[in-house]
Amino acid sequence: MENEREEIAARLRQARDAMGLRNATEAANHFKWNVITYRSHENGLRGLTLSVAAEYAKTYGVRLEWLVTGANPMRDFGIENEIALLPDNQMKEVLDTWRGIMALTKLKGKTTG
């Protein structure tokens, strides 16, 4: 059981790292989680309930099954999931770029049609 808890904690750290958050305290503050509780989860000192694991998985954009069991893949790689994981400023850039592409596509359709 302790080994399983440590493995889950390692995957939780991996998910946090993938979000670009430097440490457990930064993640807890960013997502408004209790710092002591989250750090104890990420350090493997406390186990996770399924509902807490589900919250972390959803927040980090990873599969719950991966977080709890390690079953690959870490994420479902749909473009929507990847965009949803971007920080707000990068998401705005992606959406602005997409709108520009769509506007050009419509313009090109008018000139060639």
Foldseek 3Di string as FASTA:
>chain_A
DLVLLQQLLCVLVVLCVVLVQDDQQSVCVVVVHDSVVSNCSNRSVDHDDLVVLVVSCVLSQFDSCCSRPVPDDRHDPDPVSVLVSHPPVVNVVVVVVVVVVVVVVVVVVVVVD
